[in-house]
Structures are given as structure tokens and as C-alpha cells.
Amino acid sequence: QVQLVESGGGLVQAGGSLRLSCAASGSISGINDRSWYRQSSGKQRELVATITSGGYRNYADSVKGRFTISRDNAKNTVYLQMNSLKPEDTAVYYCRVRRWPSGTEYWGQGTQVTVSS
């Protein structure tokens, strides 16, 4: 099992910044990719950004150039730096890690991000 604890959410004005953190503990061997998803009210959960163990990064078009995903292997933590935030970024943000080759997924509890206009 893998436990994920997210932090860093909050209320920020449009144009501001936040940094989300997701710390992993437990049986973390074999974790290949780490991702951030978000879900806003009435919408499906969507992928925001992914970083693989090889360092490959992928972003949703809506956040390219504004968000940056990174990781600290020594701390077993993945980050999401969010700049130039917009009201439409308001959502609950979830951390997900996936183990290979089984494909087993683990999710965090979510952290609320609210961007006021």
C-alpha cells in the first residue's frame, strides 16, 4: 500500500500562485509515474500534469506555461507549482501515483484550490 498526503491548497486571488505537495509513504517501490488531477463542481476529474520516473513531463493544454510539476525523490514528494492562477483553476486537486507493471493506482484525499476573481 501507498499513502499519499497532499497539502498546499487554499484561497488565492486571480494571478496569484500556489504550490501543492504530495508526500508518499509506504510501499513506494515500482512507482513509475506521479500525476496531479483536478475536479471542479459538476465536472469530471481531469488530468493536470504527469511526471514519470524518467523525468518526462506532460501537461493539460489549459495549464501549459503556468503550472510546473516536479519531484524530490529523496523526500518521496511530488509538487505542482501553479502560477498565474485563474478562477477556472478552482477545483479539488488530487495526487495519483501508479505502480508498474501492475498499473495499480493510489490516490490522495484531495486539496481544495479556490481562485477568486
N, C-alpha and C. Protein backbone atom coordinates (compact mmCIF):
# COMPACT_ATOMS: atom_id res chain seq x y z
N GLN A 1 0.83 -1.20 0.00
CA GLN A 1 0.00 0.00 0.00
C GLN A 1 0.86 1.25 0.00
N VAL A 2 0.31 2.28 -0.61
CA VAL A 2 0.97 3.58 -0.65
C VAL A 2 0.01 4.61 -0.05
N GLN A 3 0.52 5.41 0.82
CA GLN A 3 -0.27 6.50 1.39
C GLN A 3 0.22 7.82 0.80
N LEU A 4 -0.73 8.66 0.40
CA LEU A 4 -0.42 9.95 -0.19
C LEU A 4 -1.07 11.05 0.64
N VAL A 5 -0.29 12.04 0.99
CA VAL A 5 -0.81 13.17 1.77
C VAL A 5 -0.53 14.46 1.00
N GLU A 6 -1.61 15.13 0.62
CA GLU A 6 -1.48 16.38 -0.14
C GLU A 6 -1.58 17.57 0.79
N SER A 7 -0.95 18.64 0.38
CA SER A 7 -1.04 19.89 1.13
C SER A 7 -0.76 21.05 0.18
N GLY A 8 -1.05 22.24 0.67
CA GLY A 8 -0.73 23.44 -0.10
C GLY A 8 -1.91 24.14 -0.75
N GLY A 9 -3.08 23.55 -0.68
CA GLY A 9 -4.24 24.21 -1.27
C GLY A 9 -4.65 25.42 -0.45
N GLY A 10 -5.58 26.19 -0.99
CA GLY A 10 -6.07 27.36 -0.29
C GLY A 10 -6.80 28.30 -1.20
N LEU A 11 -7.00 29.50 -0.69
CA LEU A 11 -7.70 30.56 -1.42
C LEU A 11 -6.67 31.58 -1.90
N VAL A 12 -6.75 31.93 -3.17
CA VAL A 12 -5.80 32.88 -3.74
C VAL A 12 -6.53 33.74 -4.77
N GLN A 13 -6.07 34.94 -4.95
CA GLN A 13 -6.66 35.81 -5.96
C GLN A 13 -6.15 35.45 -7.35
N ALA A 14 -6.92 35.76 -8.34
CA ALA A 14 -6.51 35.54 -9.73
C ALA A 14 -5.16 36.21 -9.98
N GLY A 15 -4.30 35.48 -10.68
CA GLY A 15 -2.94 35.97 -10.93
C GLY A 15 -1.93 35.52 -9.91
N GLY A 16 -2.41 34.96 -8.81
CA GLY A 16 -1.53 34.52 -7.74
C GLY A 16 -0.95 33.14 -7.99
N SER A 17 -0.23 32.64 -6.98
CA SER A 17 0.45 31.36 -7.09
C SER A 17 0.20 30.49 -5.87
N LEU A 18 0.26 29.20 -6.08
CA LEU A 18 0.23 28.21 -5.00
C LEU A 18 1.15 27.07 -5.39
N ARG A 19 1.66 26.38 -4.38
CA ARG A 19 2.42 25.16 -4.63
C ARG A 19 1.81 24.02 -3.83
N LEU A 20 1.39 23.01 -4.56
CA LEU A 20 0.84 21.81 -3.94
C LEU A 20 1.95 20.79 -3.73
N SER A 21 1.83 20.04 -2.65
CA SER A 21 2.78 18.97 -2.35
C SER A 21 2.02 17.68 -2.14
N CYS A 22 2.65 16.57 -2.51
CA CYS A 22 2.07 15.24 -2.30
C CYS A 22 3.19 14.33 -1.82
N ALA A 23 3.14 13.99 -0.54
CA ALA A 23 4.16 13.14 0.05
C ALA A 23 3.68 11.70 0.07
N ALA A 24 4.54 10.79 -0.42
CA ALA A 24 4.21 9.38 -0.47
C ALA A 24 4.95 8.62 0.62
N SER A 25 4.27 7.62 1.17
CA SER A 25 4.90 6.74 2.15
C SER A 25 4.34 5.34 1.96
N GLY A 26 5.01 4.39 2.58
CA GLY A 26 4.57 3.00 2.45
C GLY A 26 5.42 2.26 1.43
N SER A 27 4.80 1.37 0.69
CA SER A 27 5.49 0.54 -0.28
C SER A 27 5.60 1.28 -1.61
N ILE A 28 6.60 2.14 -1.73
CA ILE A 28 6.68 3.01 -2.90
C ILE A 28 7.58 2.47 -4.00
N SER A 29 8.13 1.30 -3.84
CA SER A 29 8.97 0.75 -4.90
C SER A 29 8.10 0.44 -6.11
N GLY A 30 8.65 0.66 -7.28
CA GLY A 30 7.91 0.38 -8.50
C GLY A 30 6.98 1.49 -8.95
N ILE A 31 6.93 2.58 -8.21
CA ILE A 31 6.11 3.70 -8.64
C ILE A 31 6.75 4.34 -9.86
N ASN A 32 6.00 4.40 -10.96
CA ASN A 32 6.58 4.90 -12.20
C ASN A 32 6.18 6.33 -12.49
N ASP A 33 4.90 6.62 -12.41
CA ASP A 33 4.51 7.99 -12.72
C ASP A 33 3.68 8.59 -11.59
N ARG A 34 3.81 9.87 -11.49
CA ARG A 34 3.12 10.66 -10.48
C ARG A 34 2.38 11.77 -11.18
N SER A 35 1.10 11.94 -10.81
CA SER A 35 0.26 12.88 -11.54
C SER A 35 -0.58 13.71 -10.58
N TRP A 36 -0.99 14.84 -11.10
CA TRP A 36 -1.99 15.67 -10.45
C TRP A 36 -3.24 15.70 -11.33
N TYR A 37 -4.36 15.49 -10.70
CA TYR A 37 -5.66 15.61 -11.34
C TYR A 37 -6.44 16.69 -10.60
N ARG A 38 -7.51 17.14 -11.23
CA ARG A 38 -8.40 18.07 -10.54
C ARG A 38 -9.84 17.79 -10.95
N GLN A 39 -10.73 18.17 -10.05
CA GLN A 39 -12.16 18.00 -10.30
C GLN A 39 -12.89 19.20 -9.75
N SER A 40 -13.57 19.90 -10.63
CA SER A 40 -14.38 21.03 -10.20
C SER A 40 -15.84 20.60 -10.15
N SER A 41 -16.65 21.41 -9.51
CA SER A 41 -18.03 21.05 -9.26
C SER A 41 -18.78 20.77 -10.56
N GLY A 42 -19.40 19.60 -10.62
CA GLY A 42 -20.20 19.24 -11.78
C GLY A 42 -19.42 18.76 -12.99
N LYS A 43 -18.10 18.61 -12.83
CA LYS A 43 -17.28 18.18 -13.95
C LYS A 43 -16.55 16.89 -13.63
N GLN A 44 -16.09 16.23 -14.68
CA GLN A 44 -15.31 15.02 -14.48
C GLN A 44 -13.89 15.37 -14.03
N ARG A 45 -13.28 14.42 -13.36
CA ARG A 45 -11.90 14.60 -12.96
C ARG A 45 -11.02 14.64 -14.19
N GLU A 46 -10.08 15.57 -14.25
CA GLU A 46 -9.22 15.70 -15.41
C GLU A 46 -7.75 15.69 -15.01
N LEU A 47 -6.93 15.18 -15.94
CA LEU A 47 -5.50 15.16 -15.72
C LEU A 47 -4.93 16.56 -15.90
N VAL A 48 -4.11 16.97 -14.94
CA VAL A 48 -3.47 18.28 -15.00
C VAL A 48 -2.02 18.14 -15.46
N ALA A 49 -1.28 17.24 -14.82
CA ALA A 49 0.14 17.09 -15.15
C ALA A 49 0.64 15.74 -14.67
N THR A 50 1.65 15.23 -15.39
CA THR A 50 2.27 13.95 -15.04
C THR A 50 3.77 14.09 -15.14
N ILE A 51 4.46 13.39 -14.24
CA ILE A 51 5.91 13.26 -14.35
C ILE A 51 6.25 11.79 -14.14
N THR A 52 7.08 11.26 -15.04
CA THR A 52 7.45 9.85 -14.94
C THR A 52 8.78 9.70 -14.19
N SER A 53 9.11 8.46 -13.89
CA SER A 53 10.37 8.22 -13.19
C SER A 53 11.56 8.63 -14.05
N GLY A 54 11.37 8.65 -15.36
CA GLY A 54 12.44 9.09 -16.26
C GLY A 54 12.50 10.58 -16.45
N GLY A 55 11.59 11.30 -15.81
CA GLY A 55 11.62 12.75 -15.89
C GLY A 55 10.75 13.35 -16.97
N TYR A 56 10.04 12.51 -17.72
CA TYR A 56 9.15 13.04 -18.76
C TYR A 56 7.98 13.75 -18.10
N ARG A 57 7.63 14.92 -18.63
CA ARG A 57 6.52 15.70 -18.10
C ARG A 57 5.47 15.91 -19.16
N ASN A 58 4.22 15.90 -18.74
CA ASN A 58 3.12 16.14 -19.65
C ASN A 58 2.09 17.01 -18.95
N TYR A 59 1.52 17.96 -19.69
CA TYR A 59 0.58 18.91 -19.10
C TYR A 59 -0.70 19.00 -19.91
N ALA A 60 -1.78 19.29 -19.23
CA ALA A 60 -3.01 19.63 -19.93
C ALA A 60 -2.81 20.96 -20.65
N ASP A 61 -3.45 21.11 -21.79
CA ASP A 61 -3.28 22.34 -22.56
C ASP A 61 -3.67 23.57 -21.74
N SER A 62 -4.65 23.41 -20.90
CA SER A 62 -5.16 24.56 -20.14
C SER A 62 -4.18 25.10 -19.10
N VAL A 63 -3.14 24.33 -18.77
CA VAL A 63 -2.20 24.77 -17.73
C VAL A 63 -0.78 24.94 -18.26
N LYS A 64 -0.56 24.61 -19.52
CA LYS A 64 0.80 24.72 -20.08
C LYS A 64 1.31 26.15 -19.97
N GLY A 65 2.54 26.28 -19.53
CA GLY A 65 3.14 27.60 -19.38
C GLY A 65 2.83 28.25 -18.04
N ARG A 66 1.90 27.69 -17.28
CA ARG A 66 1.54 28.27 -15.99
C ARG A 66 1.86 27.33 -14.82
N PHE A 67 1.71 26.03 -15.04
CA PHE A 67 1.94 25.04 -13.99
C PHE A 67 3.22 24.26 -14.28
N THR A 68 3.89 23.86 -13.22
CA THR A 68 5.09 23.03 -13.36
C THR A 68 5.04 21.90 -12.35
N ILE A 69 5.21 20.68 -12.85
CA ILE A 69 5.26 19.51 -11.97
C ILE A 69 6.72 19.14 -11.75
N SER A 70 7.04 18.77 -10.53
CA SER A 70 8.41 18.36 -10.21
C SER A 70 8.35 17.34 -9.08
N ARG A 71 9.49 16.74 -8.80
CA ARG A 71 9.52 15.74 -7.74
C ARG A 71 10.86 15.83 -7.00
N ASP A 72 10.81 15.40 -5.76
CA ASP A 72 12.01 15.28 -4.92
C ASP A 72 12.07 13.83 -4.48
N ASN A 73 12.93 13.05 -5.13
CA ASN A 73 12.98 11.62 -4.84
C ASN A 73 13.41 11.34 -3.40
N ALA A 74 14.29 12.17 -2.88
CA ALA A 74 14.76 11.96 -1.50
C ALA A 74 13.63 12.11 -0.49
N LYS A 75 12.67 12.95 -0.82
CA LYS A 75 11.53 13.19 0.08
C LYS A 75 10.28 12.43 -0.35
N ASN A 76 10.39 11.68 -1.46
CA ASN A 76 9.22 10.96 -1.99
C ASN A 76 8.02 11.89 -2.15
N THR A 77 8.30 13.04 -2.69
CA THR A 77 7.29 14.08 -2.80
C THR A 77 7.22 14.61 -4.22
N VAL A 78 6.01 14.84 -4.69
CA VAL A 78 5.80 15.48 -5.98
C VAL A 78 5.11 16.81 -5.73
N TYR A 79 5.46 17.78 -6.53
CA TYR A 79 4.96 19.14 -6.36
C TYR A 79 4.22 19.60 -7.61
N LEU A 80 3.34 20.55 -7.41
CA LEU A 80 2.71 21.24 -8.53
C LEU A 80 2.77 22.73 -8.23
N GLN A 81 3.65 23.40 -8.95
CA GLN A 81 3.75 24.86 -8.83
C GLN A 81 2.75 25.48 -9.79
N MET A 82 1.85 26.27 -9.25
CA MET A 82 0.78 26.86 -10.05
C MET A 82 0.92 28.38 -10.03
N ASN A 83 1.19 28.94 -11.18
CA ASN A 83 1.34 30.38 -11.31
C ASN A 83 0.23 30.95 -12.20
N SER A 84 0.07 32.25 -12.13
CA SER A 84 -0.95 32.93 -12.96
C SER A 84 -2.29 32.23 -12.85
N LEU A 85 -2.70 31.96 -11.66
CA LEU A 85 -3.94 31.21 -11.44
C LEU A 85 -5.15 31.99 -11.93
N LYS A 86 -6.12 31.22 -12.43
CA LYS A 86 -7.35 31.78 -12.96
C LYS A 86 -8.54 31.21 -12.17
N PRO A 87 -9.66 31.91 -12.17
CA PRO A 87 -10.83 31.36 -11.47
C PRO A 87 -11.21 29.96 -11.96
N GLU A 88 -10.98 29.69 -13.23
CA GLU A 88 -11.33 28.36 -13.76
C GLU A 88 -10.39 27.26 -13.28
N ASP A 89 -9.33 27.62 -12.57
CA ASP A 89 -8.47 26.61 -11.96
C ASP A 89 -9.04 26.11 -10.63
N THR A 90 -10.10 26.74 -10.18
CA THR A 90 -10.73 26.33 -8.92
C THR A 90 -11.20 24.89 -9.02
N ALA A 91 -10.76 24.07 -8.08
CA ALA A 91 -11.10 22.64 -8.09
C ALA A 91 -10.49 21.99 -6.86
N VAL A 92 -10.87 20.74 -6.67
CA VAL A 92 -10.15 19.88 -5.73
C VAL A 92 -9.05 19.19 -6.53
N TYR A 93 -7.83 19.30 -6.04
CA TYR A 93 -6.68 18.72 -6.72
C TYR A 93 -6.26 17.44 -6.02
N TYR A 94 -6.07 16.41 -6.83
CA TYR A 94 -5.72 15.09 -6.31
C TYR A 94 -4.37 14.64 -6.85
N CYS A 95 -3.63 14.00 -5.99
CA CYS A 95 -2.39 13.38 -6.38
C CYS A 95 -2.66 11.90 -6.67
N ARG A 96 -2.06 11.40 -7.72
CA ARG A 96 -2.16 9.98 -8.05
C ARG A 96 -0.79 9.45 -8.42
N VAL A 97 -0.46 8.27 -7.92
CA VAL A 97 0.75 7.58 -8.35
C VAL A 97 0.35 6.22 -8.90
N ARG A 98 1.16 5.72 -9.78
CA ARG A 98 0.83 4.44 -10.42
C ARG A 98 2.06 3.55 -10.42
N ARG A 99 1.82 2.30 -10.06
CA ARG A 99 2.89 1.32 -9.98
C ARG A 99 2.95 0.52 -11.27
N TRP A 100 4.16 0.27 -11.72
CA TRP A 100 4.37 -0.58 -12.90
C TRP A 100 5.10 -1.84 -12.50
N PRO A 101 4.81 -3.00 -13.19
CA PRO A 101 3.93 -3.10 -14.35
C PRO A 101 2.47 -3.40 -14.02
N SER A 102 2.12 -3.45 -12.74
CA SER A 102 0.75 -3.85 -12.40
C SER A 102 -0.28 -2.81 -12.79
N GLY A 103 0.14 -1.52 -12.84
CA GLY A 103 -0.83 -0.47 -13.13
C GLY A 103 -1.65 -0.05 -11.93
N THR A 104 -1.35 -0.56 -10.77
CA THR A 104 -2.10 -0.21 -9.57
C THR A 104 -1.97 1.28 -9.29
N GLU A 105 -3.11 1.89 -8.99
CA GLU A 105 -3.15 3.32 -8.73
C GLU A 105 -3.42 3.59 -7.24
N TYR A 106 -2.87 4.68 -6.78
CA TYR A 106 -3.13 5.16 -5.42
C TYR A 106 -3.45 6.65 -5.51
N TRP A 107 -4.46 7.06 -4.74
CA TRP A 107 -4.92 8.44 -4.79
C TRP A 107 -4.82 9.09 -3.41
N GLY A 108 -4.55 10.39 -3.45
CA GLY A 108 -4.61 11.17 -2.23
C GLY A 108 -6.04 11.59 -1.93
N GLN A 109 -6.20 12.29 -0.82
CA GLN A 109 -7.54 12.66 -0.37
C GLN A 109 -8.04 13.94 -1.03
N GLY A 110 -7.15 14.67 -1.69
CA GLY A 110 -7.54 15.90 -2.37
C GLY A 110 -7.29 17.13 -1.52
N THR A 111 -6.99 18.23 -2.20
CA THR A 111 -6.81 19.51 -1.53
C THR A 111 -7.52 20.58 -2.36
N GLN A 112 -8.28 21.42 -1.69
CA GLN A 112 -9.09 22.42 -2.37
C GLN A 112 -8.25 23.63 -2.77
N VAL A 113 -8.40 24.02 -4.03
CA VAL A 113 -7.81 25.26 -4.53
C VAL A 113 -8.94 26.15 -5.01
N THR A 114 -9.01 27.34 -4.48
CA THR A 114 -10.04 28.30 -4.87
C THR A 114 -9.37 29.58 -5.32
N VAL A 115 -9.71 30.00 -6.54
CA VAL A 115 -9.13 31.21 -7.12
C VAL A 115 -10.25 32.23 -7.28
N SER A 116 -10.12 33.35 -6.60
CA SER A 116 -11.15 34.38 -6.66
C SER A 116 -10.81 35.40 -7.75
N SER A 117 -11.86 35.94 -8.35
CA SER A 117 -11.65 36.92 -9.43
C SER A 117 -11.55 38.33 -8.89
